[in-house]
Amino acid sequence: MAESDTPHLIAIAVVEHDGRYLIRRRPEGAPLAGYWEFPGGKALSGEPAEAAAVRECLEETGLVVRAVGRLVELDHQYDHGALRLSFERCACVDSAAKPAGGFEWVDGSALGDYRFPPANETVLRLILSGGLR
């Protein structure tokens, strides 16, 4: 596979605190507009997924988190391109801090009521089945 064919690494911070997860609705005009998402974004060149998830969470939400383990890594082909998604389980360092950037805390049992991108299905099943406790 040529370097240009290599999927972009997207690090996703699945942040949980007291059974609630940090999510927001993707803005209009963005790819997958209207879907809900966990904090995350492109890893920098050579940046490990865990570090990228922590950095992206801070940039998008203002919250300091620490990565506690990889949930799953998978490749997914969207209409807008091929992505390698690394879902990193994260914990808040300061549980009293309030998220910014339109993110909100949602009870894990309610995540099935939100429309997430198709590539999130494996992680959502894991959360909804209680597999992250």
C-alpha atoms as a PDB file:
ATOM      1  CA  MET A   1       0.000   0.000   0.000  1.00  0.00           C
ATOM      2  CA  ALA A   2       1.434   3.374  -0.992  1.00  0.00           C
ATOM      3  CA  GLU A   3       1.818   5.989   1.730  1.00  0.00           C
ATOM      4  CA  SER A   4      -0.953   8.060   0.107  1.00  0.00           C
ATOM      5  CA  ASP A   5      -3.246   5.011   0.383  1.00  0.00           C
ATOM      6  CA  THR A   6      -2.577   4.606   4.106  1.00  0.00           C
ATOM      7  CA  PRO A   7      -5.656   5.592   6.105  1.00  0.00           C
ATOM      8  CA  HIS A   8      -5.353   8.676   8.298  1.00  0.00           C
ATOM      9  CA  LEU A   9      -5.014   7.726  11.972  1.00  0.00           C
ATOM     10  CA  ILE A  10      -7.874   9.206  13.957  1.00  0.00           C
ATOM     11  CA  ALA A  11      -7.533   8.951  17.732  1.00  0.00           C
ATOM     12  CA  ILE A  12     -10.813   8.974  19.618  1.00  0.00           C
ATOM     13  CA  ALA A  13     -11.058   9.636  23.360  1.00  0.00           C
ATOM     14  CA  VAL A  14     -13.874   7.593  24.882  1.00  0.00           C
ATOM     15  CA  VAL A  15     -14.059   9.547  28.136  1.00  0.00           C
ATOM     16  CA  GLU A  16     -16.130   8.019  30.930  1.00  0.00           C
ATOM     17  CA  HIS A  17     -16.879   9.408  34.375  1.00  0.00           C
ATOM     18  CA  ASP A  18     -19.415   7.890  36.780  1.00  0.00           C
ATOM     19  CA  GLY A  19     -21.126   5.957  33.980  1.00  0.00           C
ATOM     20  CA  ARG A  20     -21.456   9.022  31.740  1.00  0.00           C
ATOM     21  CA  TYR A  21     -19.657   9.619  28.437  1.00  0.00           C
ATOM     22  CA  LEU A  22     -18.499  12.804  26.767  1.00  0.00           C
ATOM     23  CA  ILE A  23     -20.143  13.415  23.355  1.00  0.00           C
ATOM     24  CA  ARG A  24     -21.288  16.212  21.033  1.00  0.00           C
ATOM     25  CA  ARG A  25     -23.220  16.602  17.805  1.00  0.00           C
ATOM     26  CA  ARG A  26     -21.079  17.165  14.696  1.00  0.00           C
ATOM     27  CA  PRO A  27     -21.661  20.628  13.203  1.00  0.00           C
ATOM     28  CA  GLU A  28     -23.437  21.368   9.937  1.00  0.00           C
ATOM     29  CA  GLY A  29     -21.065  21.489   6.986  1.00  0.00           C
ATOM     30  CA  ALA A  30     -18.648  18.967   8.536  1.00  0.00           C
ATOM     31  CA  PRO A  31     -18.332  15.397   7.280  1.00  0.00           C
ATOM     32  CA  LEU A  32     -20.986  13.296   9.036  1.00  0.00           C
ATOM     33  CA  ALA A  33     -22.855  16.451  10.091  1.00  0.00           C
ATOM     34  CA  GLY A  34     -25.602  15.773  12.613  1.00  0.00           C
ATOM     35  CA  TYR A  35     -24.050  12.573  13.915  1.00  0.00           C
ATOM     36  CA  TRP A  36     -22.837  12.431  17.507  1.00  0.00           C
ATOM     37  CA  GLU A  37     -19.182  11.858  18.319  1.00  0.00           C
ATOM     38  CA  PHE A  38     -16.636  11.313  21.052  1.00  0.00           C
ATOM     39  CA  PRO A  39     -13.734  13.815  21.201  1.00  0.00           C
ATOM     40  CA  GLY A  40     -10.942  13.029  18.765  1.00  0.00           C
ATOM     41  CA  GLY A  41      -9.090  13.887  15.606  1.00  0.00           C
ATOM     42  CA  LYS A  42      -6.075  13.233  13.422  1.00  0.00           C
ATOM     43  CA  ALA A  43      -2.873  12.060  15.034  1.00  0.00           C
ATOM     44  CA  LEU A  44       0.189  14.100  14.167  1.00  0.00           C
ATOM     45  CA  SER A  45       2.967  12.392  12.217  1.00  0.00           C
ATOM     46  CA  GLY A  46       4.581   9.820  14.518  1.00  0.00           C
ATOM     47  CA  GLU A  47       2.212  10.596  17.402  1.00  0.00           C
ATOM     48  CA  PRO A  48       0.935   7.522  19.274  1.00  0.00           C
ATOM     49  CA  ALA A  49      -2.844   7.131  19.288  1.00  0.00           C
ATOM     50  CA  GLU A  50      -3.016   7.392  23.089  1.00  0.00           C
ATOM     51  CA  ALA A  51      -1.201  10.742  23.092  1.00  0.00           C
ATOM     52  CA  ALA A  52      -3.291  12.025  20.178  1.00  0.00           C
ATOM     53  CA  ALA A  53      -6.550  11.129  21.961  1.00  0.00           C
ATOM     54  CA  VAL A  54      -5.438  12.988  25.102  1.00  0.00           C
ATOM     55  CA  ARG A  55      -4.289  16.020  23.066  1.00  0.00           C
ATOM     56  CA  GLU A  56      -7.434  16.136  20.919  1.00  0.00           C
ATOM     57  CA  CYS A  57      -9.668  15.866  23.982  1.00  0.00           C
ATOM     58  CA  LEU A  58      -7.914  18.829  25.603  1.00  0.00           C
ATOM     59  CA  GLU A  59      -8.107  20.879  22.381  1.00  0.00           C
ATOM     60  CA  GLU A  60     -11.791  20.123  21.760  1.00  0.00           C
ATOM     61  CA  THR A  61     -13.212  20.061  25.294  1.00  0.00           C
ATOM     62  CA  GLY A  62     -10.723  21.832  27.545  1.00  0.00           C
ATOM     63  CA  LEU A  63     -10.649  18.724  29.765  1.00  0.00           C
ATOM     64  CA  VAL A  64      -7.448  17.048  30.879  1.00  0.00           C
ATOM     65  CA  VAL A  65      -7.751  13.271  30.533  1.00  0.00           C
ATOM     66  CA  ARG A  66      -5.411  10.315  30.700  1.00  0.00           C
ATOM     67  CA  ALA A  67      -5.518   7.312  28.408  1.00  0.00           C
ATOM     68  CA  VAL A  68      -6.130   4.081  30.316  1.00  0.00           C
ATOM     69  CA  GLY A  69      -6.240   1.565  27.456  1.00  0.00           C
ATOM     70  CA  ARG A  70      -7.150   0.906  23.860  1.00  0.00           C
ATOM     71  CA  LEU A  71     -10.700  -0.296  23.274  1.00  0.00           C
ATOM     72  CA  VAL A  72     -10.417  -1.138  19.582  1.00  0.00           C
ATOM     73  CA  GLU A  73      -8.579  -0.053  16.449  1.00  0.00           C
ATOM     74  CA  LEU A  74     -10.217  -0.524  13.069  1.00  0.00           C
ATOM     75  CA  ASP A  75     -10.113   0.683   9.484  1.00  0.00           C
ATOM     76  CA  HIS A  76     -13.224   2.245   8.022  1.00  0.00           C
ATOM     77  CA  GLN A  77     -14.006   3.585   4.567  1.00  0.00           C
ATOM     78  CA  TYR A  78     -16.236   6.652   4.544  1.00  0.00           C
ATOM     79  CA  ASP A  79     -17.328   8.551   1.432  1.00  0.00           C
ATOM     80  CA  HIS A  80     -14.820  11.267   2.363  1.00  0.00           C
ATOM     81  CA  GLY A  81     -11.878   8.853   2.746  1.00  0.00           C
ATOM     82  CA  ALA A  82     -10.270   5.881   4.461  1.00  0.00           C
ATOM     83  CA  LEU A  83      -9.610   6.200   8.177  1.00  0.00           C
ATOM     84  CA  ARG A  84      -7.891   4.097  10.817  1.00  0.00           C
ATOM     85  CA  LEU A  85      -9.811   4.744  14.027  1.00  0.00           C
ATOM     86  CA  SER A  86      -8.186   4.088  17.382  1.00  0.00           C
ATOM     87  CA  PHE A  87     -10.713   4.271  20.219  1.00  0.00           C
ATOM     88  CA  GLU A  88      -8.843   5.037  23.453  1.00  0.00           C
ATOM     89  CA  ARG A  89     -10.505   4.639  26.816  1.00  0.00           C
ATOM     90  CA  CYS A  90      -9.815   7.782  28.852  1.00  0.00           C
ATOM     91  CA  ALA A  91     -10.473   9.044  32.361  1.00  0.00           C
ATOM     92  CA  CYS A  92     -10.862  12.644  33.551  1.00  0.00           C
ATOM     93  CA  VAL A  93      -8.020  13.989  35.642  1.00  0.00           C
ATOM     94  CA  ASP A  94     -10.286  16.708  37.127  1.00  0.00           C
ATOM     95  CA  SER A  95     -13.791  15.285  37.404  1.00  0.00           C
ATOM     96  CA  ALA A  96     -15.212  18.663  38.504  1.00  0.00           C
ATOM     97  CA  ALA A  97     -14.160  20.442  35.288  1.00  0.00           C
ATOM     98  CA  LYS A  98     -16.891  21.369  32.805  1.00  0.00           C
ATOM     99  CA  PRO A  99     -16.480  20.434  29.125  1.00  0.00           C
ATOM    100  CA  ALA A 100     -16.390  23.135  26.442  1.00  0.00           C
ATOM    101  CA  GLY A 101     -16.865  22.979  22.683  1.00  0.00           C
ATOM    102  CA  GLY A 102     -20.450  21.753  22.775  1.00  0.00           C
ATOM    103  CA  PHE A 103     -19.547  18.495  24.527  1.00  0.00           C
ATOM    104  CA  GLU A 104     -21.879  17.140  27.171  1.00  0.00           C
ATOM    105  CA  TRP A 105     -22.008  14.209  29.548  1.00  0.00           C
ATOM    106  CA  VAL A 106     -24.536  11.515  28.602  1.00  0.00           C
ATOM    107  CA  ASP A 107     -25.434   8.409  30.591  1.00  0.00           C
ATOM    108  CA  GLY A 108     -23.846   5.348  28.989  1.00  0.00           C
ATOM    109  CA  SER A 109     -27.169   3.498  28.944  1.00  0.00           C
ATOM    110  CA  ALA A 110     -28.636   6.276  26.744  1.00  0.00           C
ATOM    111  CA  LEU A 111     -25.921   6.245  24.056  1.00  0.00           C
ATOM    112  CA  GLY A 112     -28.068   3.958  21.899  1.00  0.00           C
ATOM    113  CA  ASP A 113     -30.532   6.853  21.535  1.00  0.00           C
ATOM    114  CA  TYR A 114     -27.914   8.947  19.701  1.00  0.00           C
ATOM    115  CA  ARG A 115     -26.928   8.577  16.051  1.00  0.00           C
ATOM    116  CA  PHE A 116     -23.173   7.916  15.813  1.00  0.00           C
ATOM    117  CA  PRO A 117     -21.099   7.285  12.676  1.00  0.00           C
ATOM    118  CA  PRO A 118     -21.161   3.613  11.581  1.00  0.00           C
ATOM    119  CA  ALA A 119     -17.529   3.013  12.604  1.00  0.00           C
ATOM    120  CA  ASN A 120     -18.504   3.627  16.262  1.00  0.00           C
ATOM    121  CA  GLU A 121     -20.796   0.582  16.363  1.00  0.00           C
ATOM    122  CA  THR A 122     -18.293  -1.794  17.999  1.00  0.00           C
ATOM    123  CA  VAL A 123     -17.488   0.642  20.816  1.00  0.00           C
ATOM    124  CA  LEU A 124     -21.146   1.508  21.382  1.00  0.00           C
ATOM    125  CA  ARG A 125     -22.050  -2.191  21.655  1.00  0.00           C
ATOM    126  CA  LEU A 126     -19.259  -2.622  24.201  1.00  0.00           C
ATOM    127  CA  ILE A 127     -20.507   0.322  26.289  1.00  0.00           C
ATOM    128  CA  LEU A 128     -24.190  -0.616  26.064  1.00  0.00           C
ATOM    129  CA  SER A 129     -23.483  -4.236  27.033  1.00  0.00           C
ATOM    130  CA  GLY A 130     -21.699  -3.057  30.179  1.00  0.00           C
ATOM    131  CA  GLY A 131     -18.375  -4.335  28.851  1.00  0.00           C
ATOM    132  CA  LEU A 132     -16.431  -1.283  30.039  1.00  0.00           C
ATOM    133  CA  ARG A 133     -17.147  -1.614  33.747  1.00  0.00           C
END
